[in-house]
Amino acid sequence: MSAPLLATLGSGGLVGFTLGLVGGGGSILATPLLLYVVGVAQPHIAIGTGALAVAANAFANLGGHAWKGHVWWRCALVFAALGSVGALAGSTLGKSIDGAHLLFLFGLLMLVVGGLMVLPRRGTSTTARPVDAKMCAMTAAVAIVAGAASGFFGIGGGFLIVPGLILATGMPTINAIGTSLLAVAAFGLATAFNYALSGMVDWQLAGEFIIGGVGGGLIGMLAATRLASYKNVLNRIFAALIFVVAGYVLYRSIGALTLG
């Protein structure tokens, strides 16, 4: 097995493993890994390729949640459809921004995600909201904003979608996680499609990355079951990893901006 293929499969496996182990936020490592481990030269190609891989991982995890009845399909379909419009708009804006500037913003986003992962999560109970004009308007607004952010950065956006669904609809957290996966997949496909129109998706690389991600995801889900009692510790460890990677992304992007 060649070194580039091993790096791609291993990077995809790491993303899949973290997604299976800690859930939302795991896919944010896809772009840095494609850039600095796999060796993709152009940030936009890394984002477009990573978005396709994120969508595939979300589809792979959706089946399990759907089988367990965690997916609220009407909310999922509406959220995914509206958010995909935002993802197309966000990815169009992202393509127009210089790669070094985009990576700098991506590094800042990683700091935010890492911070959210170490915040204590309160187990507050929620009550499903009535389907009225207010709820529909809030759901639409959250979907478009989350989709735009997902498309702009080429990320899954689960860390935005899950609390957004809970806020808009009042659904339980486990249902928000399952329902969010359809949106993550749709946003990733919309972003990848937009980038592909500009020739910014490496299809072979995406396939290899996805294969690694599927294998890593299975291992991560098995590990999550065994390490469920250490969930908070795992989140903190992963948050620390995100902070380290964010620092490196900011260092590289600032260096590129200074040279530019």
C-alpha atoms as a PDB file:
ATOM      1  CA  MET A   1       0.000   0.000   0.000  1.00  0.00           C
ATOM      2  CA  SER A   2       1.451   3.378  -1.020  1.00  0.00           C
ATOM      3  CA  ALA A   3       2.161   6.084   1.537  1.00  0.00           C
ATOM      4  CA  PRO A   4      -0.350   8.595   0.023  1.00  0.00           C
ATOM      5  CA  LEU A   5      -3.128   5.981   0.049  1.00  0.00           C
ATOM      6  CA  LEU A   6      -2.262   5.001   3.618  1.00  0.00           C
ATOM      7  CA  ALA A   7      -2.365   8.673   4.674  1.00  0.00           C
ATOM      8  CA  THR A   8      -5.782   9.138   3.033  1.00  0.00           C
ATOM      9  CA  LEU A   9      -7.313   5.987   4.491  1.00  0.00           C
ATOM     10  CA  GLY A  10      -5.838   6.755   7.901  1.00  0.00           C
ATOM     11  CA  SER A  11      -7.094  10.343   7.873  1.00  0.00           C
ATOM     12  CA  GLY A  12     -10.552   9.238   6.797  1.00  0.00           C
ATOM     13  CA  GLY A  13     -10.481   6.579   9.479  1.00  0.00           C
ATOM     14  CA  LEU A  14      -9.589   9.153  12.137  1.00  0.00           C
ATOM     15  CA  VAL A  15     -12.508  11.390  11.114  1.00  0.00           C
ATOM     16  CA  GLY A  16     -14.913   8.441  11.107  1.00  0.00           C
ATOM     17  CA  PHE A  17     -13.575   7.218  14.440  1.00  0.00           C
ATOM     18  CA  THR A  18     -14.027  10.591  16.143  1.00  0.00           C
ATOM     19  CA  LEU A  19     -17.524  10.935  14.690  1.00  0.00           C
ATOM     20  CA  GLY A  20     -18.487   7.525  16.028  1.00  0.00           C
ATOM     21  CA  LEU A  21     -16.814   8.146  19.371  1.00  0.00           C
ATOM     22  CA  VAL A  22     -17.837  11.704  20.292  1.00  0.00           C
ATOM     23  CA  GLY A  23     -20.499  12.587  17.700  1.00  0.00           C
ATOM     24  CA  GLY A  24     -20.999  16.196  16.554  1.00  0.00           C
ATOM     25  CA  GLY A  25     -17.846  18.139  15.749  1.00  0.00           C
ATOM     26  CA  GLY A  26     -15.774  15.138  14.662  1.00  0.00           C
ATOM     27  CA  SER A  27     -15.935  16.009  10.976  1.00  0.00           C
ATOM     28  CA  ILE A  28     -14.228  19.361  11.536  1.00  0.00           C
ATOM     29  CA  LEU A  29     -10.878  17.544  11.319  1.00  0.00           C
ATOM     30  CA  ALA A  30     -11.494  16.520   7.682  1.00  0.00           C
ATOM     31  CA  THR A  31     -10.172  19.685   6.020  1.00  0.00           C
ATOM     32  CA  PRO A  32      -6.980  20.034   8.133  1.00  0.00           C
ATOM     33  CA  LEU A  33      -6.184  16.353   7.622  1.00  0.00           C
ATOM     34  CA  LEU A  34      -6.660  16.598   3.866  1.00  0.00           C
ATOM     35  CA  LEU A  35      -4.406  19.651   3.752  1.00  0.00           C
ATOM     36  CA  TYR A  36      -1.598  18.798   6.149  1.00  0.00           C
ATOM     37  CA  VAL A  37      -1.530  14.984   6.242  1.00  0.00           C
ATOM     38  CA  VAL A  38      -2.845  13.864   2.853  1.00  0.00           C
ATOM     39  CA  GLY A  39      -1.121  16.794   1.141  1.00  0.00           C
ATOM     40  CA  VAL A  40      -3.909  18.498  -0.811  1.00  0.00           C
ATOM     41  CA  ALA A  41      -2.391  21.744  -2.046  1.00  0.00           C
ATOM     42  CA  GLN A  42      -5.493  23.893  -2.524  1.00  0.00           C
ATOM     43  CA  PRO A  43      -7.739  24.727   0.489  1.00  0.00           C
ATOM     44  CA  HIS A  44     -10.844  24.878  -1.695  1.00  0.00           C
ATOM     45  CA  ILE A  45     -10.242  21.360  -3.047  1.00  0.00           C
ATOM     46  CA  ALA A  46      -9.763  20.099   0.514  1.00  0.00           C
ATOM     47  CA  ILE A  47     -13.058  21.712   1.559  1.00  0.00           C
ATOM     48  CA  GLY A  48     -15.004  20.400  -1.431  1.00  0.00           C
ATOM     49  CA  THR A  49     -13.580  16.891  -1.074  1.00  0.00           C
ATOM     50  CA  GLY A  50     -14.078  16.903   2.686  1.00  0.00           C
ATOM     51  CA  ALA A  51     -17.706  17.998   2.318  1.00  0.00           C
ATOM     52  CA  LEU A  52     -18.441  14.944   0.173  1.00  0.00           C
ATOM     53  CA  ALA A  53     -16.780  12.654   2.715  1.00  0.00           C
ATOM     54  CA  VAL A  54     -18.733  14.250   5.567  1.00  0.00           C
ATOM     55  CA  ALA A  55     -22.002  13.667   3.680  1.00  0.00           C
ATOM     56  CA  ALA A  56     -21.145   9.986   3.183  1.00  0.00           C
ATOM     57  CA  ASN A  57     -20.321   9.529   6.872  1.00  0.00           C
ATOM     58  CA  ALA A  58     -23.617  11.162   7.845  1.00  0.00           C
ATOM     59  CA  PHE A  59     -25.582   8.830   5.551  1.00  0.00           C
ATOM     60  CA  ALA A  60     -23.750   5.836   7.036  1.00  0.00           C
ATOM     61  CA  ASN A  61     -24.757   6.861  10.578  1.00  0.00           C
ATOM     62  CA  LEU A  62     -28.316   7.852   9.596  1.00  0.00           C
ATOM     63  CA  GLY A  63     -29.392   4.252   9.032  1.00  0.00           C
ATOM     64  CA  GLY A  64     -28.693   3.210  12.608  1.00  0.00           C
ATOM     65  CA  HIS A  65     -30.609   6.137  14.091  1.00  0.00           C
ATOM     66  CA  ALA A  66     -33.514   5.631  11.674  1.00  0.00           C
ATOM     67  CA  TRP A  67     -33.694   1.938  12.635  1.00  0.00           C
ATOM     68  CA  LYS A  68     -33.996   2.956  16.302  1.00  0.00           C
ATOM     69  CA  GLY A  69     -36.737   5.503  15.521  1.00  0.00           C
ATOM     70  CA  HIS A  70     -34.664   8.545  16.444  1.00  0.00           C
ATOM     71  CA  VAL A  71     -35.373  10.483  13.237  1.00  0.00           C
ATOM     72  CA  TRP A  72     -38.311  12.907  13.006  1.00  0.00           C
ATOM     73  CA  TRP A  73     -38.660  12.618   9.260  1.00  0.00           C
ATOM     74  CA  ARG A  74     -40.900  15.605   8.520  1.00  0.00           C
ATOM     75  CA  CYS A  75     -38.623  17.947  10.449  1.00  0.00           C
ATOM     76  CA  ALA A  76     -35.559  16.307   8.917  1.00  0.00           C
ATOM     77  CA  LEU A  77     -36.791  16.723   5.339  1.00  0.00           C
ATOM     78  CA  VAL A  78     -37.897  20.344   5.812  1.00  0.00           C
ATOM     79  CA  PHE A  79     -34.707  21.281   7.652  1.00  0.00           C
ATOM     80  CA  ALA A  80     -32.507  19.564   5.054  1.00  0.00           C
ATOM     81  CA  ALA A  81     -34.313  21.182   2.106  1.00  0.00           C
ATOM     82  CA  LEU A  82     -34.208  24.725   3.502  1.00  0.00           C
ATOM     83  CA  GLY A  83     -30.677  24.365   4.851  1.00  0.00           C
ATOM     84  CA  SER A  84     -29.410  23.115   1.493  1.00  0.00           C
ATOM     85  CA  VAL A  85     -30.353  26.490   0.017  1.00  0.00           C
ATOM     86  CA  GLY A  86     -28.199  28.101   2.694  1.00  0.00           C
ATOM     87  CA  ALA A  87     -25.399  25.602   2.008  1.00  0.00           C
ATOM     88  CA  LEU A  88     -25.392  26.487  -1.686  1.00  0.00           C
ATOM     89  CA  ALA A  89     -25.207  30.188  -0.835  1.00  0.00           C
ATOM     90  CA  GLY A  90     -22.534  29.659   1.819  1.00  0.00           C
ATOM     91  CA  SER A  91     -20.365  27.470  -0.407  1.00  0.00           C
ATOM     92  CA  THR A  92     -20.651  29.980  -3.251  1.00  0.00           C
ATOM     93  CA  LEU A  93     -19.351  32.675  -0.914  1.00  0.00           C
ATOM     94  CA  GLY A  94     -16.630  30.356   0.381  1.00  0.00           C
ATOM     95  CA  LYS A  95     -15.363  29.618  -3.137  1.00  0.00           C
ATOM     96  CA  SER A  96     -14.957  33.350  -3.790  1.00  0.00           C
ATOM     97  CA  ILE A  97     -12.708  33.924  -0.765  1.00  0.00           C
ATOM     98  CA  ASP A  98      -8.944  33.512  -0.923  1.00  0.00           C
ATOM     99  CA  GLY A  99      -7.839  30.164   0.480  1.00  0.00           C
ATOM    100  CA  ALA A 100      -5.540  31.633   3.164  1.00  0.00           C
ATOM    101  CA  HIS A 101      -8.281  33.925   4.466  1.00  0.00           C
ATOM    102  CA  LEU A 102     -10.772  31.057   4.458  1.00  0.00           C
ATOM    103  CA  LEU A 103      -8.405  28.833   6.439  1.00  0.00           C
ATOM    104  CA  PHE A 104      -7.838  31.621   8.973  1.00  0.00           C
ATOM    105  CA  LEU A 105     -11.606  31.837   9.537  1.00  0.00           C
ATOM    106  CA  PHE A 106     -11.734  28.028   9.681  1.00  0.00           C
ATOM    107  CA  GLY A 107      -9.116  28.052  12.443  1.00  0.00           C
ATOM    108  CA  LEU A 108     -11.203  30.517  14.447  1.00  0.00           C
ATOM    109  CA  LEU A 109     -14.248  28.283  13.958  1.00  0.00           C
ATOM    110  CA  MET A 110     -12.299  25.321  15.324  1.00  0.00           C
ATOM    111  CA  LEU A 111     -11.575  27.284  18.491  1.00  0.00           C
ATOM    112  CA  VAL A 112     -15.308  27.915  18.888  1.00  0.00           C
ATOM    113  CA  VAL A 113     -16.156  24.238  18.359  1.00  0.00           C
ATOM    114  CA  GLY A 114     -13.495  23.168  20.859  1.00  0.00           C
ATOM    115  CA  GLY A 115     -14.872  25.637  23.386  1.00  0.00           C
ATOM    116  CA  LEU A 116     -18.412  24.340  22.928  1.00  0.00           C
ATOM    117  CA  MET A 117     -17.241  20.772  23.478  1.00  0.00           C
ATOM    118  CA  VAL A 118     -15.727  21.535  26.900  1.00  0.00           C
ATOM    119  CA  LEU A 119     -18.742  23.476  28.160  1.00  0.00           C
ATOM    120  CA  PRO A 120     -20.883  21.471  30.585  1.00  0.00           C
ATOM    121  CA  ARG A 121     -24.046  20.123  28.988  1.00  0.00           C
ATOM    122  CA  ARG A 122     -27.169  20.477  31.042  1.00  0.00           C
ATOM    123  CA  GLY A 123     -29.677  17.682  30.812  1.00  0.00           C
ATOM    124  CA  THR A 124     -32.692  19.987  30.571  1.00  0.00           C
ATOM    125  CA  SER A 125     -35.982  18.435  29.504  1.00  0.00           C
ATOM    126  CA  THR A 126     -37.734  19.761  26.431  1.00  0.00           C
ATOM    127  CA  THR A 127     -41.309  19.746  25.250  1.00  0.00           C
ATOM    128  CA  ALA A 128     -42.231  19.461  21.592  1.00  0.00           C
ATOM    129  CA  ARG A 129     -43.539  22.780  20.287  1.00  0.00           C
ATOM    130  CA  PRO A 130     -46.851  23.042  18.437  1.00  0.00           C
ATOM    131  CA  VAL A 131     -46.548  23.203  14.655  1.00  0.00           C
ATOM    132  CA  ASP A 132     -47.547  26.826  14.127  1.00  0.00           C
ATOM    133  CA  ALA A 133     -46.259  29.785  12.129  1.00  0.00           C
ATOM    134  CA  LYS A 134     -43.737  30.749  14.830  1.00  0.00           C
ATOM    135  CA  MET A 135     -42.221  27.276  15.002  1.00  0.00           C
ATOM    136  CA  CYS A 136     -42.052  26.986  11.215  1.00  0.00           C
ATOM    137  CA  ALA A 137     -40.402  30.407  10.883  1.00  0.00           C
ATOM    138  CA  MET A 138     -37.832  29.597  13.575  1.00  0.00           C
ATOM    139  CA  THR A 139     -37.054  26.215  12.003  1.00  0.00           C
ATOM    140  CA  ALA A 140     -36.581  27.841   8.601  1.00  0.00           C
ATOM    141  CA  ALA A 141     -34.281  30.533   9.985  1.00  0.00           C
ATOM    142  CA  VAL A 142     -32.130  28.053  11.925  1.00  0.00           C
ATOM    143  CA  ALA A 143     -31.930  25.713   8.911  1.00  0.00           C
ATOM    144  CA  ILE A 144     -30.766  28.448   6.527  1.00  0.00           C
ATOM    145  CA  VAL A 145     -28.163  29.834   8.964  1.00  0.00           C
ATOM    146  CA  ALA A 146     -26.803  26.369   9.817  1.00  0.00           C
ATOM    147  CA  GLY A 147     -26.741  25.416   6.137  1.00  0.00           C
ATOM    148  CA  ALA A 148     -24.903  28.619   5.192  1.00  0.00           C
ATOM    149  CA  ALA A 149     -22.236  28.021   7.855  1.00  0.00           C
ATOM    150  CA  SER A 150     -21.892  24.397   6.793  1.00  0.00           C
ATOM    151  CA  GLY A 151     -21.495  25.345   3.147  1.00  0.00           C
ATOM    152  CA  PHE A 152     -19.102  28.209   3.813  1.00  0.00           C
ATOM    153  CA  PHE A 153     -16.659  26.089   5.805  1.00  0.00           C
ATOM    154  CA  GLY A 154     -17.385  22.701   4.206  1.00  0.00           C
ATOM    155  CA  ILE A 155     -18.199  21.098   7.552  1.00  0.00           C
ATOM    156  CA  GLY A 156     -21.008  18.839   8.746  1.00  0.00           C
ATOM    157  CA  GLY A 157     -22.349  21.465  11.121  1.00  0.00           C
ATOM    158  CA  GLY A 158     -23.856  18.988  13.577  1.00  0.00           C
ATOM    159  CA  PHE A 159     -22.695  21.132  16.507  1.00  0.00           C
ATOM    160  CA  LEU A 160     -24.987  23.893  15.136  1.00  0.00           C
ATOM    161  CA  ILE A 161     -27.829  21.745  13.801  1.00  0.00           C
ATOM    162  CA  VAL A 162     -28.514  19.711  16.959  1.00  0.00           C
ATOM    163  CA  PRO A 163     -29.045  22.672  19.340  1.00  0.00           C
ATOM    164  CA  GLY A 164     -30.850  24.504  16.518  1.00  0.00           C
ATOM    165  CA  LEU A 165     -33.367  21.682  16.125  1.00  0.00           C
ATOM    166  CA  ILE A 166     -33.929  21.521  19.883  1.00  0.00           C
ATOM    167  CA  LEU A 167     -34.443  25.297  20.048  1.00  0.00           C
ATOM    168  CA  ALA A 168     -36.834  25.418  17.083  1.00  0.00           C
ATOM    169  CA  THR A 169     -38.916  22.284  17.681  1.00  0.00           C
ATOM    170  CA  GLY A 170     -38.350  21.239  21.293  1.00  0.00           C
ATOM    171  CA  MET A 171     -37.472  17.669  20.265  1.00  0.00           C
ATOM    172  CA  PRO A 172     -35.431  15.480  22.662  1.00  0.00           C
ATOM    173  CA  THR A 173     -31.656  15.496  22.204  1.00  0.00           C
ATOM    174  CA  ILE A 174     -31.430  11.924  20.887  1.00  0.00           C
ATOM    175  CA  ASN A 175     -34.010  12.741  18.222  1.00  0.00           C
ATOM    176  CA  ALA A 176     -32.187  15.961  17.345  1.00  0.00           C
ATOM    177  CA  ILE A 177     -28.965  13.976  16.841  1.00  0.00           C
ATOM    178  CA  GLY A 178     -30.660  11.417  14.588  1.00  0.00           C
ATOM    179  CA  THR A 179     -32.643  14.048  12.682  1.00  0.00           C
ATOM    180  CA  SER A 180     -29.564  16.223  12.192  1.00  0.00           C
ATOM    181  CA  LEU A 181     -27.787  13.509  10.206  1.00  0.00           C
ATOM    182  CA  LEU A 182     -30.062  13.933   7.192  1.00  0.00           C
ATOM    183  CA  ALA A 183     -29.357  17.661   7.257  1.00  0.00           C
ATOM    184  CA  VAL A 184     -25.598  17.090   7.598  1.00  0.00           C
ATOM    185  CA  ALA A 185     -25.686  14.742   4.603  1.00  0.00           C
ATOM    186  CA  ALA A 186     -27.784  17.151   2.528  1.00  0.00           C
ATOM    187  CA  PHE A 187     -25.597  20.152   3.368  1.00  0.00           C
ATOM    188  CA  GLY A 188     -22.452  18.174   2.536  1.00  0.00           C
ATOM    189  CA  LEU A 189     -23.860  17.061  -0.813  1.00  0.00           C
ATOM    190  CA  ALA A 190     -25.006  20.594  -1.681  1.00  0.00           C
ATOM    191  CA  THR A 191     -21.565  21.972  -0.809  1.00  0.00           C
ATOM    192  CA  ALA A 192     -19.717  19.228  -2.689  1.00  0.00           C
ATOM    193  CA  PHE A 193     -21.980  19.704  -5.733  1.00  0.00           C
ATOM    194  CA  ASN A 194     -21.273  23.440  -5.757  1.00  0.00           C
ATOM    195  CA  TYR A 195     -17.528  22.892  -5.459  1.00  0.00           C
ATOM    196  CA  ALA A 196     -17.632  20.152  -8.096  1.00  0.00           C
ATOM    197  CA  LEU A 197     -19.143  22.620 -10.568  1.00  0.00           C
ATOM    198  CA  SER A 198     -15.893  24.567 -10.230  1.00  0.00           C
ATOM    199  CA  GLY A 199     -13.713  21.450 -10.438  1.00  0.00           C
ATOM    200  CA  MET A 200     -12.829  21.627  -6.742  1.00  0.00           C
ATOM    201  CA  VAL A 201     -13.552  17.998  -5.743  1.00  0.00           C
ATOM    202  CA  ASP A 202     -10.963  15.231  -6.005  1.00  0.00           C
ATOM    203  CA  TRP A 203     -13.267  12.255  -6.571  1.00  0.00           C
ATOM    204  CA  GLN A 204     -10.692   9.498  -6.157  1.00  0.00           C
ATOM    205  CA  LEU A 205      -9.392  11.058  -2.975  1.00  0.00           C
ATOM    206  CA  ALA A 206     -12.942  11.460  -1.670  1.00  0.00           C
ATOM    207  CA  GLY A 207     -13.641   7.766  -2.310  1.00  0.00           C
ATOM    208  CA  GLU A 208     -10.530   6.677  -0.443  1.00  0.00           C
ATOM    209  CA  PHE A 209     -11.289   9.072   2.420  1.00  0.00           C
ATOM    210  CA  ILE A 210     -14.855   7.721   2.668  1.00  0.00           C
ATOM    211  CA  ILE A 211     -13.669   4.089   2.753  1.00  0.00           C
ATOM    212  CA  GLY A 212     -11.371   4.932   5.654  1.00  0.00           C
ATOM    213  CA  GLY A 213     -14.168   6.866   7.359  1.00  0.00           C
ATOM    214  CA  VAL A 214     -16.631   3.976   7.227  1.00  0.00           C
ATOM    215  CA  GLY A 215     -14.131   1.617   8.862  1.00  0.00           C
ATOM    216  CA  GLY A 216     -13.138   4.189  11.466  1.00  0.00           C
ATOM    217  CA  GLY A 217     -16.770   4.975  12.195  1.00  0.00           C
ATOM    218  CA  LEU A 218     -17.561   1.341  13.003  1.00  0.00           C
ATOM    219  CA  ILE A 219     -14.620   1.157  15.399  1.00  0.00           C
ATOM    220  CA  GLY A 220     -15.606   4.497  16.950  1.00  0.00           C
ATOM    221  CA  MET A 221     -19.200   3.388  17.573  1.00  0.00           C
ATOM    222  CA  LEU A 222     -18.002   0.162  19.222  1.00  0.00           C
ATOM    223  CA  ALA A 223     -15.572   2.138  21.369  1.00  0.00           C
ATOM    224  CA  ALA A 224     -18.284   4.648  22.298  1.00  0.00           C
ATOM    225  CA  THR A 225     -20.443   1.842  23.698  1.00  0.00           C
ATOM    226  CA  ARG A 226     -17.622   0.569  25.876  1.00  0.00           C
ATOM    227  CA  LEU A 227     -16.477   4.047  26.955  1.00  0.00           C
ATOM    228  CA  ALA A 228     -19.931   5.599  27.482  1.00  0.00           C
ATOM    229  CA  SER A 229     -19.181   6.354  31.142  1.00  0.00           C
ATOM    230  CA  TYR A 230     -16.139   8.396  30.077  1.00  0.00           C
ATOM    231  CA  LYS A 231     -18.062  10.575  27.597  1.00  0.00           C
ATOM    232  CA  ASN A 232     -17.089  13.878  29.244  1.00  0.00           C
ATOM    233  CA  VAL A 233     -13.424  12.866  29.393  1.00  0.00           C
ATOM    234  CA  LEU A 234     -13.482  11.880  25.710  1.00  0.00           C
ATOM    235  CA  ASN A 235     -15.066  15.213  24.772  1.00  0.00           C
ATOM    236  CA  ARG A 236     -12.351  17.095  26.623  1.00  0.00           C
ATOM    237  CA  ILE A 237      -9.580  15.066  25.025  1.00  0.00           C
ATOM    238  CA  PHE A 238     -11.058  15.649  21.579  1.00  0.00           C
ATOM    239  CA  ALA A 239     -11.534  19.361  22.340  1.00  0.00           C
ATOM    240  CA  ALA A 240      -7.842  19.572  23.278  1.00  0.00           C
ATOM    241  CA  LEU A 241      -6.982  17.961  19.927  1.00  0.00           C
ATOM    242  CA  ILE A 242      -9.168  20.513  18.136  1.00  0.00           C
ATOM    243  CA  PHE A 243      -7.401  23.378  19.938  1.00  0.00           C
ATOM    244  CA  VAL A 244      -3.995  22.019  18.886  1.00  0.00           C
ATOM    245  CA  VAL A 245      -5.087  21.594  15.261  1.00  0.00           C
ATOM    246  CA  ALA A 246      -6.732  25.039  15.301  1.00  0.00           C
ATOM    247  CA  GLY A 247      -3.465  26.581  16.466  1.00  0.00           C
ATOM    248  CA  TYR A 248      -1.604  24.894  13.612  1.00  0.00           C
ATOM    249  CA  VAL A 249      -4.217  25.966  11.052  1.00  0.00           C
ATOM    250  CA  LEU A 250      -4.013  29.568  12.277  1.00  0.00           C
ATOM    251  CA  TYR A 251      -0.203  29.435  12.260  1.00  0.00           C
ATOM    252  CA  ARG A 252      -0.098  28.184   8.667  1.00  0.00           C
ATOM    253  CA  SER A 253      -2.800  30.552   7.425  1.00  0.00           C
ATOM    254  CA  ILE A 254      -1.260  33.600   9.107  1.00  0.00           C
ATOM    255  CA  GLY A 255       2.088  32.637   7.585  1.00  0.00           C
ATOM    256  CA  ALA A 256       0.487  32.420   4.147  1.00  0.00           C
ATOM    257  CA  LEU A 257      -1.259  35.766   4.627  1.00  0.00           C
ATOM    258  CA  THR A 258       1.998  37.405   5.727  1.00  0.00           C
ATOM    259  CA  LEU A 259       3.898  36.034   2.734  1.00  0.00           C
ATOM    260  CA  GLY A 260       1.032  37.058   0.451  1.00  0.00           C
END
